[in-house]
Structure formats: structure tokens, C-alpha cells
Amino acid sequence: MIRKAEITSEQKVLIASGTSNTSMFLISLLNKKCQLYVLTSSQKSAEEFRKIGIHNVSVIDHSWSSESCRAKITSDFGKLTYDVIFDPFIDSNLNKLIHLTAMNGKYITCGIFNQSLPSDRMVGIYSNEELIRIFSTLIQRNVQLLGNCLGSKEDLIYALSMFVKGEMPITIDSVYQGSQVQDFFNRTFNESNRFGKVVYIY
């Protein structure tokens, strides 16, 4: 995702759903390498981000309307647009954030929050009116909407080497082992107050 974004140090980068595993890795890799802004849904998480040196954090509620989200982000960060927006959950954030993309910006997404829903229930997640606004923004601002799944083998090797050299710190939420398999899965998938990677030691 970072390779596709082609980020430079002066660019403004917005990361949505800050406590998702994808976003946590992006934050670790991009902190101090660009002008970084992070969104999260909990005040506690915002405080944790500030402890690790992320100062531009805005707390928004997923239940808010697009207008309310953008108003809160503008109130916290100023009237900015972002050169790159990273979004782990296109079905939750696209309609709320696409209008904050700068001219010639990039909106990169890699997942669906409600991925366990049957496909027939996914239809209609955005209204026709919202889709027209999204499409209009993409066209009027010349925005690139990029999807991403896995990177290359070289990306994985690079990330591992960064970690080994201490250049990509990983925030650990909790560690489980032995018979704690159920606790591990529960913490990983069901507890929204986690902050960082949940680890199981084999």
C-alpha cells in the first residue's frame, strides 16, 4: 500500500480506523516520514496514540453521518485535504472520507469491515445519492481509487528486515499461549478496546 502511495515527506496522509492491524503497521512505518493524521473511534485509543508520538489524532464515531465526521475532522485538524488516504474498511469509511482527498490524491483501501455478511446483504450499503457524490469527487479531483490485497514477497522481506533492525516498532496489545486459544481469538476479533497486535505463541 505504501509503495503504491508513493508518499513524499511534505505530503499529508490520513489513516482511517487507526487501531486496525493494517493501520497500526502503516502508522509504525509512516510516523515522522510525512505529515500523519490518524482517525480512531475511542478516546482511550487516541491517548495511546499520543503516547507513542502520534499527535494528530481525531476521535470520530462510526455511527455519525458523513457530514458530522468531516466536521469533526476539520475541527480537529483544520480545513485540510489529504494527498493520500489509507482506509482498511471501504464499506465503513469511503463515503465519509473521499471528499477530504486532495486534487490528484490517492485513496487506497484494502478490506471490508462487514466481510462476513452474505453478498446480498452487502448490496445497498451506500445509497445512490452517496455513490453519485463519491463518483463525482473521484472525477472532479482526479483522485485515484486503489484497491490492495497482499504485497509481494519482496515487501514481506523488506518489512521483516525493518522489524529486525528496529526501524518498524510493533505495538503489542497482549500475548497468549498454550490453552489460551479461545482467549486469543476473542481478543483478536471481538474486543474493540484492543490497541496493537494480539499474539499467540505456538
C-alpha atoms as a PDB file:
ATOM      1  CA  MET A   1       0.000   0.000   0.000  1.00  0.00           C
ATOM      2  CA  ILE A   2       2.820   2.400   0.891  1.00  0.00           C
ATOM      3  CA  ARG A   3       4.642   1.568  -2.328  1.00  0.00           C
ATOM      4  CA  LYS A   4       1.518   2.356  -4.358  1.00  0.00           C
ATOM      5  CA  ALA A   5       1.029   5.624  -2.466  1.00  0.00           C
ATOM      6  CA  GLU A   6       4.474   6.998  -3.437  1.00  0.00           C
ATOM      7  CA  ILE A   7       4.481   9.279  -0.390  1.00  0.00           C
ATOM      8  CA  THR A   8       6.850  12.224  -0.034  1.00  0.00           C
ATOM      9  CA  SER A   9       7.811  13.900   3.234  1.00  0.00           C
ATOM     10  CA  GLU A  10       5.749  17.055   2.653  1.00  0.00           C
ATOM     11  CA  GLN A  11       2.516  15.207   1.888  1.00  0.00           C
ATOM     12  CA  LYS A  12      -0.452  14.987   4.235  1.00  0.00           C
ATOM     13  CA  VAL A  13      -1.529  11.402   4.908  1.00  0.00           C
ATOM     14  CA  LEU A  14      -4.772  10.401   6.651  1.00  0.00           C
ATOM     15  CA  ILE A  15      -5.146   6.911   8.128  1.00  0.00           C
ATOM     16  CA  ALA A  16      -8.661   5.713   8.955  1.00  0.00           C
ATOM     17  CA  SER A  17      -9.645   3.114  11.582  1.00  0.00           C
ATOM     18  CA  GLY A  18      -6.368   3.668  13.401  1.00  0.00           C
ATOM     19  CA  THR A  19      -6.460   0.621  15.676  1.00  0.00           C
ATOM     20  CA  SER A  20      -6.958  -1.940  12.900  1.00  0.00           C
ATOM     21  CA  ASN A  21      -3.899  -4.149  12.389  1.00  0.00           C
ATOM     22  CA  THR A  22      -3.311  -2.712   8.918  1.00  0.00           C
ATOM     23  CA  SER A  23      -3.482   0.865  10.164  1.00  0.00           C
ATOM     24  CA  MET A  24      -1.185   0.152  13.110  1.00  0.00           C
ATOM     25  CA  PHE A  25       1.510  -1.139  10.721  1.00  0.00           C
ATOM     26  CA  LEU A  26       1.023   1.854   8.407  1.00  0.00           C
ATOM     27  CA  ILE A  27       1.353   4.242  11.352  1.00  0.00           C
ATOM     28  CA  SER A  28       4.520   2.493  12.537  1.00  0.00           C
ATOM     29  CA  LEU A  29       6.115   2.755   9.093  1.00  0.00           C
ATOM     30  CA  LEU A  30       4.990   6.293   8.238  1.00  0.00           C
ATOM     31  CA  ASN A  31       5.375   8.121  11.561  1.00  0.00           C
ATOM     32  CA  LYS A  32       7.843  11.015  11.113  1.00  0.00           C
ATOM     33  CA  LYS A  33       8.145  10.315   7.364  1.00  0.00           C
ATOM     34  CA  CYS A  34       5.220  12.530   6.301  1.00  0.00           C
ATOM     35  CA  GLN A  35       2.541  14.750   7.831  1.00  0.00           C
ATOM     36  CA  LEU A  36       0.488  12.000   9.502  1.00  0.00           C
ATOM     37  CA  TYR A  37      -3.133  12.240  10.683  1.00  0.00           C
ATOM     38  CA  VAL A  38      -4.994   9.355  12.345  1.00  0.00           C
ATOM     39  CA  LEU A  39      -8.673   8.628  12.951  1.00  0.00           C
ATOM     40  CA  THR A  40      -9.931   6.394  15.744  1.00  0.00           C
ATOM     41  CA  SER A  41     -13.268   5.746  17.397  1.00  0.00           C
ATOM     42  CA  SER A  42     -12.178   5.833  21.035  1.00  0.00           C
ATOM     43  CA  GLN A  43     -10.698   8.486  23.286  1.00  0.00           C
ATOM     44  CA  LYS A  44      -8.607   5.830  25.046  1.00  0.00           C
ATOM     45  CA  SER A  45      -7.010   4.826  21.732  1.00  0.00           C
ATOM     46  CA  ALA A  46      -6.344   8.479  20.930  1.00  0.00           C
ATOM     47  CA  GLU A  47      -4.457   8.794  24.228  1.00  0.00           C
ATOM     48  CA  GLU A  48      -2.446   5.651  23.423  1.00  0.00           C
ATOM     49  CA  PHE A  49      -1.524   7.063  20.007  1.00  0.00           C
ATOM     50  CA  ARG A  50      -0.291  10.268  21.600  1.00  0.00           C
ATOM     51  CA  LYS A  51       1.885   8.231  23.976  1.00  0.00           C
ATOM     52  CA  ILE A  52       3.697   6.690  21.005  1.00  0.00           C
ATOM     53  CA  GLY A  53       4.223  10.067  19.349  1.00  0.00           C
ATOM     54  CA  ILE A  54       1.162  10.412  17.085  1.00  0.00           C
ATOM     55  CA  HIS A  55      -0.218  13.849  17.924  1.00  0.00           C
ATOM     56  CA  ASN A  56      -2.676  14.490  15.078  1.00  0.00           C
ATOM     57  CA  VAL A  57      -5.494  12.199  16.215  1.00  0.00           C
ATOM     58  CA  SER A  58      -9.228  12.736  15.790  1.00  0.00           C
ATOM     59  CA  VAL A  59     -11.910  10.677  17.553  1.00  0.00           C
ATOM     60  CA  ILE A  60     -14.926  10.005  15.352  1.00  0.00           C
ATOM     61  CA  ASP A  61     -17.890   7.681  15.842  1.00  0.00           C
ATOM     62  CA  HIS A  62     -18.736   5.166  13.103  1.00  0.00           C
ATOM     63  CA  SER A  63     -22.432   5.883  13.572  1.00  0.00           C
ATOM     64  CA  TRP A  64     -22.029   9.561  12.647  1.00  0.00           C
ATOM     65  CA  SER A  65     -23.153  10.890   9.304  1.00  0.00           C
ATOM     66  CA  SER A  66     -20.607  11.813   6.618  1.00  0.00           C
ATOM     67  CA  GLU A  67     -21.182  15.484   7.388  1.00  0.00           C
ATOM     68  CA  SER A  68     -20.623  15.026  11.146  1.00  0.00           C
ATOM     69  CA  CYS A  69     -17.409  13.044  10.578  1.00  0.00           C
ATOM     70  CA  ARG A  70     -15.954  15.606   8.208  1.00  0.00           C
ATOM     71  CA  ALA A  71     -16.959  18.470  10.528  1.00  0.00           C
ATOM     72  CA  LYS A  72     -15.170  16.800  13.475  1.00  0.00           C
ATOM     73  CA  ILE A  73     -12.048  16.051  11.427  1.00  0.00           C
ATOM     74  CA  THR A  74     -11.975  19.649  10.160  1.00  0.00           C
ATOM     75  CA  SER A  75     -12.453  20.937  13.705  1.00  0.00           C
ATOM     76  CA  ASP A  76      -9.521  18.828  14.988  1.00  0.00           C
ATOM     77  CA  PHE A  77      -7.089  19.174  12.070  1.00  0.00           C
ATOM     78  CA  GLY A  78      -8.147  22.345  10.295  1.00  0.00           C
ATOM     79  CA  LYS A  79      -9.606  22.694   6.826  1.00  0.00           C
ATOM     80  CA  LEU A  80      -7.226  20.249   5.159  1.00  0.00           C
ATOM     81  CA  THR A  81      -7.337  17.885   2.258  1.00  0.00           C
ATOM     82  CA  TYR A  82      -5.072  14.838   2.184  1.00  0.00           C
ATOM     83  CA  ASP A  83      -2.691  13.684  -0.539  1.00  0.00           C
ATOM     84  CA  VAL A  84      -3.146  10.059   0.493  1.00  0.00           C
ATOM     85  CA  ILE A  85      -5.916   8.400   2.500  1.00  0.00           C
ATOM     86  CA  PHE A  86      -5.389   4.838   3.731  1.00  0.00           C
ATOM     87  CA  ASP A  87      -8.641   3.059   4.548  1.00  0.00           C
ATOM     88  CA  PRO A  88      -8.760  -0.553   5.805  1.00  0.00           C
ATOM     89  CA  PHE A  89     -12.579  -0.700   5.512  1.00  0.00           C
ATOM     90  CA  ILE A  90     -14.069   0.708   2.320  1.00  0.00           C
ATOM     91  CA  ASP A  91     -17.655  -0.085   3.364  1.00  0.00           C
ATOM     92  CA  SER A  92     -17.318   1.959   6.574  1.00  0.00           C
ATOM     93  CA  ASN A  93     -15.262   4.973   5.541  1.00  0.00           C
ATOM     94  CA  LEU A  94     -15.290   5.737   1.812  1.00  0.00           C
ATOM     95  CA  ASN A  95     -18.424   7.896   1.801  1.00  0.00           C
ATOM     96  CA  LYS A  96     -17.176   9.826   4.855  1.00  0.00           C
ATOM     97  CA  LEU A  97     -13.591  10.438   3.753  1.00  0.00           C
ATOM     98  CA  ILE A  98     -13.387  10.540  -0.048  1.00  0.00           C
ATOM     99  CA  HIS A  99     -14.352  14.242  -0.044  1.00  0.00           C
ATOM    100  CA  LEU A 100     -11.230  15.002   2.011  1.00  0.00           C
ATOM    101  CA  THR A 101      -8.903  13.769  -0.727  1.00  0.00           C
ATOM    102  CA  ALA A 102      -6.759  16.469  -2.347  1.00  0.00           C
ATOM    103  CA  MET A 103      -6.594  17.174  -6.073  1.00  0.00           C
ATOM    104  CA  ASN A 104      -4.663  14.342  -7.747  1.00  0.00           C
ATOM    105  CA  GLY A 105      -4.732  12.461  -4.440  1.00  0.00           C
ATOM    106  CA  LYS A 106      -4.852   8.721  -3.795  1.00  0.00           C
ATOM    107  CA  TYR A 107      -7.423   6.786  -1.788  1.00  0.00           C
ATOM    108  CA  ILE A 108      -6.088   3.310  -1.002  1.00  0.00           C
ATOM    109  CA  THR A 109      -8.226   0.628   0.607  1.00  0.00           C
ATOM    110  CA  CYS A 110      -7.578  -2.997   1.442  1.00  0.00           C
ATOM    111  CA  GLY A 111     -10.630  -4.502   3.116  1.00  0.00           C
ATOM    112  CA  ILE A 112     -14.285  -4.710   4.057  1.00  0.00           C
ATOM    113  CA  PHE A 113     -15.391  -4.384   7.684  1.00  0.00           C
ATOM    114  CA  ASN A 114     -18.573  -6.435   7.205  1.00  0.00           C
ATOM    115  CA  GLN A 115     -16.798  -9.112   5.175  1.00  0.00           C
ATOM    116  CA  SER A 116     -18.690 -11.912   6.923  1.00  0.00           C
ATOM    117  CA  LEU A 117     -22.054 -10.681   5.611  1.00  0.00           C
ATOM    118  CA  PRO A 118     -23.613 -12.566   2.670  1.00  0.00           C
ATOM    119  CA  SER A 119     -23.101 -10.688  -0.606  1.00  0.00           C
ATOM    120  CA  ASP A 120     -26.820  -9.982  -0.997  1.00  0.00           C
ATOM    121  CA  ARG A 121     -26.791  -8.063   2.295  1.00  0.00           C
ATOM    122  CA  MET A 122     -23.783  -6.023   1.178  1.00  0.00           C
ATOM    123  CA  VAL A 123     -25.775  -4.580  -1.730  1.00  0.00           C
ATOM    124  CA  GLY A 124     -27.100  -1.119  -0.967  1.00  0.00           C
ATOM    125  CA  ILE A 125     -24.564  -0.313   1.739  1.00  0.00           C
ATOM    126  CA  TYR A 126     -24.277   3.142   0.125  1.00  0.00           C
ATOM    127  CA  SER A 127     -27.294   4.961  -1.249  1.00  0.00           C
ATOM    128  CA  ASN A 128     -27.438   6.006  -4.898  1.00  0.00           C
ATOM    129  CA  GLU A 129     -27.031   9.613  -3.787  1.00  0.00           C
ATOM    130  CA  GLU A 130     -23.874   8.761  -1.834  1.00  0.00           C
ATOM    131  CA  LEU A 131     -22.442   6.843  -4.777  1.00  0.00           C
ATOM    132  CA  ILE A 132     -23.024   9.788  -7.119  1.00  0.00           C
ATOM    133  CA  ARG A 133     -21.186  12.073  -4.650  1.00  0.00           C
ATOM    134  CA  ILE A 134     -18.309   9.564  -4.388  1.00  0.00           C
ATOM    135  CA  PHE A 135     -18.025   9.209  -8.173  1.00  0.00           C
ATOM    136  CA  SER A 136     -18.231  12.980  -8.651  1.00  0.00           C
ATOM    137  CA  THR A 137     -15.389  13.540  -6.181  1.00  0.00           C
ATOM    138  CA  LEU A 138     -13.210  10.923  -7.893  1.00  0.00           C
ATOM    139  CA  ILE A 139     -13.724  12.624 -11.244  1.00  0.00           C
ATOM    140  CA  GLN A 140     -13.651  16.296 -10.215  1.00  0.00           C
ATOM    141  CA  ARG A 141     -10.487  15.937  -8.113  1.00  0.00           C
ATOM    142  CA  ASN A 142      -8.743  13.432 -10.375  1.00  0.00           C
ATOM    143  CA  VAL A 143      -8.479  11.015  -7.434  1.00  0.00           C
ATOM    144  CA  GLN A 144      -7.014   7.528  -7.861  1.00  0.00           C
ATOM    145  CA  LEU A 145      -9.078   4.909  -6.020  1.00  0.00           C
ATOM    146  CA  LEU A 146      -6.737   1.959  -5.457  1.00  0.00           C
ATOM    147  CA  GLY A 147      -7.512  -1.476  -4.090  1.00  0.00           C
ATOM    148  CA  ASN A 148      -4.846  -3.590  -2.456  1.00  0.00           C
ATOM    149  CA  CYS A 149      -4.660  -7.127  -1.123  1.00  0.00           C
ATOM    150  CA  LEU A 150      -1.268  -8.658  -0.364  1.00  0.00           C
ATOM    151  CA  GLY A 151       2.086  -7.227  -1.284  1.00  0.00           C
ATOM    152  CA  SER A 152       4.926  -9.053  -2.975  1.00  0.00           C
ATOM    153  CA  LYS A 153       7.430 -11.453  -1.419  1.00  0.00           C
ATOM    154  CA  GLU A 154       9.942  -8.588  -1.539  1.00  0.00           C
ATOM    155  CA  ASP A 155       7.574  -6.406   0.504  1.00  0.00           C
ATOM    156  CA  LEU A 156       7.427  -9.061   3.230  1.00  0.00           C
ATOM    157  CA  ILE A 157      11.210  -9.489   3.268  1.00  0.00           C
ATOM    158  CA  TYR A 158      11.635  -5.709   3.490  1.00  0.00           C
ATOM    159  CA  ALA A 159       9.131  -5.432   6.359  1.00  0.00           C
ATOM    160  CA  LEU A 160      10.834  -8.235   8.290  1.00  0.00           C
ATOM    161  CA  SER A 161      14.237  -6.619   7.816  1.00  0.00           C
ATOM    162  CA  MET A 162      12.829  -3.289   9.052  1.00  0.00           C
ATOM    163  CA  PHE A 163      11.477  -5.026  12.155  1.00  0.00           C
ATOM    164  CA  VAL A 164      14.764  -6.845  12.857  1.00  0.00           C
ATOM    165  CA  LYS A 165      16.694  -3.558  12.575  1.00  0.00           C
ATOM    166  CA  GLY A 166      14.271  -1.876  14.998  1.00  0.00           C
ATOM    167  CA  GLU A 167      13.011   0.503  12.330  1.00  0.00           C
ATOM    168  CA  MET A 168       9.413  -0.730  12.484  1.00  0.00           C
ATOM    169  CA  PRO A 169       8.273  -0.945  16.104  1.00  0.00           C
ATOM    170  CA  ILE A 170       5.220  -3.150  16.644  1.00  0.00           C
ATOM    171  CA  THR A 171       2.733  -2.236  19.357  1.00  0.00           C
ATOM    172  CA  ILE A 172       1.725  -5.405  21.231  1.00  0.00           C
ATOM    173  CA  ASP A 173      -1.689  -5.496  22.888  1.00  0.00           C
ATOM    174  CA  SER A 174      -1.431  -8.900  24.582  1.00  0.00           C
ATOM    175  CA  VAL A 175       0.236 -12.314  24.320  1.00  0.00           C
ATOM    176  CA  TYR A 176      -1.403 -15.748  24.659  1.00  0.00           C
ATOM    177  CA  GLN A 177      -0.073 -19.294  24.586  1.00  0.00           C
ATOM    178  CA  GLY A 178      -0.918 -22.917  25.388  1.00  0.00           C
ATOM    179  CA  SER A 179      -4.610 -23.449  26.159  1.00  0.00           C
ATOM    180  CA  GLN A 180      -5.473 -19.753  25.741  1.00  0.00           C
ATOM    181  CA  VAL A 181      -6.587 -20.208  22.124  1.00  0.00           C
ATOM    182  CA  GLN A 182     -10.174 -19.087  22.767  1.00  0.00           C
ATOM    183  CA  ASP A 183      -8.979 -16.012  24.676  1.00  0.00           C
ATOM    184  CA  PHE A 184      -6.623 -15.190  21.795  1.00  0.00           C
ATOM    185  CA  PHE A 185      -9.390 -15.336  19.168  1.00  0.00           C
ATOM    186  CA  ASN A 186     -11.818 -13.448  21.380  1.00  0.00           C
ATOM    187  CA  ARG A 187      -9.321 -10.645  21.984  1.00  0.00           C
ATOM    188  CA  THR A 188      -8.346 -10.544  18.304  1.00  0.00           C
ATOM    189  CA  PHE A 189     -11.819 -10.446  16.765  1.00  0.00           C
ATOM    190  CA  ASN A 190     -14.374  -9.464  19.411  1.00  0.00           C
ATOM    191  CA  GLU A 191     -12.866  -6.906  21.780  1.00  0.00           C
ATOM    192  CA  SER A 192     -12.820  -3.448  20.242  1.00  0.00           C
ATOM    193  CA  ASN A 193     -10.717  -1.910  23.030  1.00  0.00           C
ATOM    194  CA  ARG A 194      -7.509  -3.699  21.978  1.00  0.00           C
ATOM    195  CA  PHE A 195      -4.578  -1.496  20.987  1.00  0.00           C
ATOM    196  CA  GLY A 196      -1.897  -3.206  18.946  1.00  0.00           C
ATOM    197  CA  LYS A 197      -1.183  -6.725  17.769  1.00  0.00           C
ATOM    198  CA  VAL A 198      -2.624  -9.710  19.634  1.00  0.00           C
ATOM    199  CA  VAL A 199      -0.052 -12.511  19.625  1.00  0.00           C
ATOM    200  CA  TYR A 200      -0.350 -16.270  20.112  1.00  0.00           C
ATOM    201  CA  ILE A 201       2.904 -18.126  20.841  1.00  0.00           C
ATOM    202  CA  TYR A 202       2.939 -21.680  19.448  1.00  0.00           C
END
